[in-house]
Protein backbone atom coordinates (compact mmCIF):
# COMPACT_ATOMS: atom_id res chain seq x y z
CA MET A 1 -29.26 2.74 33.61
CA TYR A 2 -30.01 2.85 29.54
CA LYS A 3 -30.83 6.46 29.28
CA ARG A 4 -27.53 7.07 31.01
CA ILE A 5 -25.40 4.87 28.51
CA LYS A 6 -27.33 6.00 25.39
CA ARG A 7 -26.13 9.53 26.09
CA ILE A 8 -22.56 8.75 26.38
CA ILE A 9 -22.84 6.76 23.27
CA LEU A 10 -24.52 9.82 21.71
CA LEU A 11 -21.79 12.22 23.18
CA ILE A 12 -19.27 10.00 21.78
CA CYS A 13 -20.46 9.87 17.92
CA GLY A 14 -22.11 13.28 17.97
CA TRP A 15 -18.28 14.26 18.86
CA GLY A 16 -16.87 11.93 16.38
CA PHE A 17 -19.04 13.69 13.39
CA VAL A 18 -18.60 16.63 14.50
CA ILE A 19 -14.33 16.28 14.30
CA ALA A 20 -14.37 14.53 11.05
CA GLY A 21 -16.50 17.33 9.72
CA ILE A 22 -14.27 19.35 10.47
CA ILE A 23 -11.27 17.40 8.79
CA SER A 24 -13.31 17.07 5.92
CA ILE A 25 -13.62 20.86 5.39
CA PHE A 26 -10.00 20.83 4.33
CA LEU A 27 -11.09 17.78 1.85
CA PRO A 28 -12.81 19.56 -0.60
CA PHE A 29 -14.41 16.61 -2.17
CA LEU A 30 -16.47 15.19 0.77
CA GLN A 31 -19.32 16.64 2.52
CA GLY A 32 -17.60 18.27 6.04
CA VAL A 33 -20.90 20.35 6.56
CA ALA A 34 -23.16 17.05 6.36
CA PHE A 35 -20.92 15.31 9.35
CA ILE A 36 -21.14 18.46 11.83
CA ILE A 37 -24.67 18.63 11.06
CA THR A 38 -24.85 14.96 11.97
CA GLY A 39 -22.77 15.33 14.92
CA LEU A 40 -24.55 18.20 16.12
CA VAL A 41 -27.71 16.63 16.15
CA LEU A 42 -26.60 13.64 17.84
CA LEU A 43 -25.53 16.19 20.73
CA GLY A 44 -28.65 17.72 20.99
CA TYR A 45 -30.82 14.38 21.29
CA ALA A 46 -27.81 13.52 23.94
CA ARG A 47 -28.60 17.25 25.84
CA HIS A 48 -32.64 15.86 25.42
CA VAL A 49 -31.29 12.43 27.23
CA LYS A 50 -29.83 14.54 29.88
CA MET A 51 -32.72 16.87 30.24
CA LEU A 52 -34.72 13.24 31.11
CA LEU A 53 -32.26 12.37 33.16
CA LYS A 54 -32.79 15.67 35.11
CA ASN A 55 -36.80 15.13 35.04
CA GLY A 56 -35.71 11.64 36.93
CA LYS A 57 -34.32 13.55 39.41
CA ARG A 58 -37.92 15.47 40.92
CA ASN A 59 -39.20 11.87 40.90
CA SER A 60 -36.33 10.14 42.82
CA GLU A 61 -33.68 12.65 44.19
CA LYS A 62 -31.80 9.49 45.42
CA ILE A 63 -31.45 7.28 41.79
CA TYR A 64 -30.78 10.72 39.90
CA SER A 65 -27.93 11.40 42.33
CA HIS A 66 -26.52 7.64 42.10
CA ALA A 67 -26.72 8.16 38.43
CA GLN A 68 -24.81 11.05 38.28
CA LYS A 69 -21.99 9.98 40.72
CA LYS A 70 -22.01 7.18 37.99
CA VAL A 71 -21.06 9.14 35.01
CA LEU A 72 -18.64 11.55 36.97
CA ILE A 73 -17.27 8.53 38.35
CA PHE A 74 -16.90 6.94 34.58
CA PHE A 75 -15.44 9.95 32.74
CA LYS A 76 -12.72 10.35 35.99
CA GLN A 77 -11.77 6.86 35.01
CA ALA A 78 -11.91 7.44 30.81
CA ARG A 79 -10.44 10.75 31.49
CA VAL A 80 -11.27 13.46 28.77
CA LEU A 81 -7.45 12.82 27.15
CA ASP A 82 -8.66 9.37 26.13
CA ILE A 83 -12.66 10.43 25.09
CA ILE A 84 -11.39 13.17 22.93
CA LEU A 85 -8.29 10.68 21.38
CA GLY A 86 -10.81 8.24 20.76
CA CYS A 87 -13.26 10.36 18.31
CA VAL A 88 -9.68 12.10 16.60
CA PHE A 89 -8.92 8.42 15.74
CA PHE A 90 -12.29 7.53 15.16
CA GLY A 91 -13.14 10.39 12.90
CA LEU A 92 -9.71 10.02 11.20
CA GLY A 93 -10.56 6.41 10.02
CA ILE A 94 -13.99 7.28 8.59
CA ALA A 95 -12.62 9.68 7.10
CA GLY A 96 -9.83 7.36 5.33
CA ILE A 97 -12.88 5.29 4.33
CA ILE A 98 -14.74 7.86 2.51
CA ILE A 99 -11.75 9.42 1.24
CA HIS A 100 -10.62 5.65 -0.15
CA PHE A 101 -14.09 5.28 -1.82
CA GLN A 102 -14.14 8.58 -3.43
CA GLN A 103 -10.79 8.06 -5.06
CA GLY A 104 -11.66 5.21 -6.53
CA VAL A 105 -8.87 2.74 -3.79
CA GLU A 106 -11.38 0.62 -1.61
CA GLN A 107 -9.28 -2.38 -1.96
CA ASP A 108 -6.38 -0.40 0.17
CA LEU A 109 -8.70 0.06 2.73
CA PHE A 110 -7.25 -3.63 3.85
CA TRP A 111 -3.47 -2.35 4.28
CA LEU A 112 -3.50 -2.56 8.06
CA SER A 113 -2.16 1.37 7.59
CA ASN A 114 -5.02 2.58 5.57
CA HIS A 115 -7.65 1.50 8.83
CA TRP A 116 -5.30 1.30 11.73
CA ALA A 117 -6.41 5.01 12.84
CA LEU A 118 -10.04 3.44 12.88
CA ILE A 119 -8.31 0.44 15.29
CA ASN A 120 -6.57 3.41 17.47
CA GLY A 121 -9.97 5.12 18.03
CA ILE A 122 -11.79 1.95 18.98
CA ALA A 123 -9.26 1.05 21.02
CA PHE A 124 -8.90 4.60 23.01
CA LEU A 125 -12.84 4.44 23.43
CA SER A 126 -12.83 1.30 25.02
CA GLY A 127 -9.75 1.83 26.74
CA SER A 128 -8.42 -1.77 25.72
CA SER A 129 -4.67 -2.61 26.32
CA PHE A 130 -5.39 -6.14 24.66
CA ILE A 131 -6.55 -4.02 20.88
CA PHE A 132 -3.41 -1.07 21.69
CA SER A 133 -1.20 -4.54 22.26
CA SER A 134 -2.50 -6.89 19.43
CA VAL A 135 -1.92 -3.50 16.74
CA THR A 136 1.54 -2.68 17.87
CA VAL A 137 2.94 -5.94 17.93
CA LEU A 138 1.95 -6.69 14.33
CA GLY A 139 2.32 -3.27 12.41
CA ILE A 140 5.16 -1.38 14.41
CA ILE A 141 7.72 -2.98 12.54
CA PRO A 142 6.59 -2.32 9.01
CA GLU A 143 5.84 0.76 9.96
CA LEU A 144 9.23 1.29 10.63
CA PHE A 145 10.44 0.11 7.16
CA TRP A 146 7.70 2.72 5.95
CA VAL A 147 8.86 5.66 7.71
CA VAL A 148 12.85 4.86 7.35
CA ASP A 149 12.32 4.47 3.29
CA PHE A 150 9.99 7.91 3.30
CA LEU A 151 12.22 10.08 5.21
CA PHE A 152 14.89 8.62 3.49
CA LEU A 153 13.89 9.46 0.00
CA LEU A 154 12.38 12.30 1.21
CA PHE A 155 15.92 14.10 2.23
CA THR A 156 18.25 12.41 -0.09
CA GLY A 157 16.10 11.65 -3.25
CA HIS A 158 17.54 7.86 -3.74
CA GLN A 159 14.84 4.98 -2.53
CA LEU A 160 16.16 2.69 0.68
CA PHE A 161 13.89 -0.43 0.24
CA GLY A 162 11.78 1.19 -2.76
CA ILE A 163 8.34 0.64 -0.68
CA THR A 164 7.65 4.62 -0.22
CA ASN A 165 8.12 5.26 -4.05
CA TYR A 166 4.51 5.28 -5.25
CA TRP A 167 4.02 8.46 -2.58
CA PHE A 168 6.24 10.59 -4.60
CA ALA A 169 5.03 9.25 -8.25
CA PRO A 170 3.27 13.05 -9.68
CA GLU A 171 -0.14 10.86 -10.28
CA TYR A 172 -0.59 9.81 -7.04
CA SER A 173 -2.86 12.22 -5.12
CA ILE A 174 -2.51 14.50 -3.06
CA VAL A 175 -5.36 13.60 -0.39
CA LEU A 176 -4.25 10.08 -0.48
CA LYS A 177 -0.67 11.71 0.29
CA ILE A 178 -1.77 13.76 3.08
CA LEU A 179 -3.70 10.80 4.39
CA ASN A 180 -0.63 8.17 3.75
CA LEU A 181 0.93 10.38 6.56
CA GLN A 182 -1.11 8.26 9.09
CA HIS A 183 2.16 5.59 8.68
CA ILE A 184 4.11 8.20 11.42
CA ILE A 185 1.10 8.83 13.31
CA ASN A 186 -0.82 5.53 13.87
CA PRO A 187 2.10 3.45 15.27
CA LEU A 188 3.06 6.78 17.69
CA ALA A 189 -0.69 6.83 19.02
CA ALA A 190 -0.60 2.92 19.71
CA LEU A 191 2.68 2.55 21.49
CA TYR A 192 1.25 5.44 23.53
CA GLY A 193 -1.81 3.51 23.81
CA VAL A 194 0.55 1.02 25.30
CA LYS A 195 1.79 2.97 27.73
CA ARG A 196 -1.51 4.69 28.96
CA PHE A 197 -3.06 0.98 29.48
CA GLY A 198 -0.70 -1.21 29.73
CA PHE A 199 0.73 -4.17 27.76
CA HIS A 200 -1.56 -7.27 27.15
CA HIS A 201 0.18 -10.62 27.63
CA LYS A 202 -1.87 -12.10 25.17
CA ALA A 203 -1.31 -9.46 22.52
CA TRP A 204 0.59 -12.40 20.47
CA ILE A 205 -3.11 -14.02 20.03
CA GLY A 206 -4.56 -10.87 18.87
CA GLY A 207 -1.68 -9.47 16.41
CA ILE A 208 -0.94 -13.19 14.87
CA GLY A 209 -4.92 -13.94 14.35
CA TYR A 210 -5.37 -10.53 12.98
CA GLY A 211 -2.16 -10.49 11.13
CA ILE A 212 -3.63 -13.76 9.43
CA PHE A 213 -6.69 -12.92 8.59
CA ILE A 214 -5.42 -9.71 6.47
CA TRP A 215 -3.11 -11.90 5.33
CA LEU A 216 -6.09 -14.15 3.43
CA ILE A 217 -7.88 -11.07 2.27
CA GLY A 218 -5.00 -9.60 0.07
CA LEU A 219 -4.13 -13.24 -1.00
CA LEU A 220 -7.29 -14.89 -1.69
CA ILE A 221 -9.98 -12.27 -1.93
CA ILE A 222 -8.22 -8.94 -2.89
CA GLY A 223 -6.06 -10.68 -5.36
CA ARG A 224 -1.96 -10.15 -6.98
CA VAL A 225 -2.55 -6.85 -8.95
CA TYR A 226 -3.01 -5.11 -6.01
CA ASN A 227 -0.98 -6.44 -3.73
CA VAL A 228 -2.58 -5.46 -0.27
CA ASN A 229 -0.12 -6.20 3.20
CA CYS A 230 2.61 -7.58 0.46
CA ALA A 231 0.58 -10.92 0.48
CA TRP A 232 1.52 -11.75 -2.97
CA LYS A 233 5.15 -10.42 -3.39
CA ASN A 234 8.24 -8.63 -1.68
CA CYS A 235 7.47 -5.16 -1.52
CA ILE A 236 11.06 -4.25 -0.82
CA LEU A 237 12.85 -3.99 -4.10
CA PHE A 238 16.25 -5.41 -3.75
CA LEU A 239 15.32 -8.88 -2.58
CA PRO A 240 14.91 -11.05 -5.34
CA ILE A 241 12.48 -13.66 -3.66
CA PRO A 242 10.05 -15.30 -5.79
CA ASP A 243 6.23 -14.89 -5.52
CA LEU A 244 5.64 -18.49 -4.30
CA VAL A 245 8.28 -18.43 -1.52
CA TRP A 246 7.06 -15.17 -0.06
CA GLN A 247 3.79 -16.26 -0.15
CA ILE A 248 4.51 -19.34 2.30
CA ALA A 249 6.96 -17.45 4.01
CA TRP A 250 4.69 -14.22 5.01
CA PRO A 251 2.77 -15.67 8.05
CA PHE A 252 6.04 -17.43 9.37
CA VAL A 253 7.60 -14.29 9.10
CA ALA A 254 5.06 -11.93 10.45
CA ILE A 255 4.65 -14.54 13.24
CA GLY A 256 8.29 -13.96 14.59
CA LEU A 257 8.29 -10.71 14.28
CA ILE A 258 5.15 -10.44 16.24
CA LEU A 259 6.40 -12.71 19.26
CA VAL A 260 9.85 -10.82 18.86
CA MET A 261 8.12 -7.14 19.61
CA CYS A 262 5.70 -9.03 22.33
CA ARG A 263 9.46 -9.70 24.38
CA ILE A 264 10.49 -6.49 24.01
CA LEU A 265 7.52 -5.01 24.59
CA GLY A 266 6.60 -7.69 27.40
CA LYS A 267 10.10 -7.10 28.92
CA GLY A 268 9.38 -3.06 28.99
CA SER A 269 6.61 -3.39 30.68
CA ARG A 270 7.71 -5.93 33.64
CA LYS A 271 10.33 -3.49 34.22
CA LYS A 272 8.07 -0.64 34.58
CA LYS A 273 5.96 -2.66 37.26
CA LYS A 274 9.30 -3.24 39.12
């Protein structure tokens, strides 16, 4: 049992590093080759574990047959697509962490959008409806504002909410611009995850808990200068809300939006079951 689980973990990690390496090839300052080599080493070791299982077959045909059936059942239940998506998003999340440190903006990792890919990767690999549902009810509405503002500014040249002005600034790194397109990809992946694994009725607990956590991180640790997750001041330029009022209102507004999304997604889930 231990060897079987170990091999599965090695396969997941190995393919994760290989995919991250392939992504890194397009980012010249990352060591993509190192990622790929690490992944291949892990995959090679996984093959060694598989050989140990095969040697066990000679000693006990029944034990090996049972283990083989369990592995097949695991892959059938988890499905190959979930594992592939999990590795892709997990690799993207790791690449994002490295890029932010390379660019000297590691504090931006605490923005939900900048580590959402990592959450998606974990959720796909674990098949967790709770993780998918929690992050979706927390982040889907803010991300919708970002996407609408981005597309409006992209096609009209005029700002709508002003929350994506930074993306169009000439001094903003092209690598970070590419990485910021996660704002579009991650919510879609999370919605697919909710559809794939179902909506969890306790998503409000995860959404509120994690929302309060990143709000406190932005407010108490990161500081006013970076305004991570808009914890210190309003990010929508045309709303003249005093900073203190915004800081107090932020968690209550977030909780309200989370409960609204829980109601919408929960109602949709119940209709689907009927």
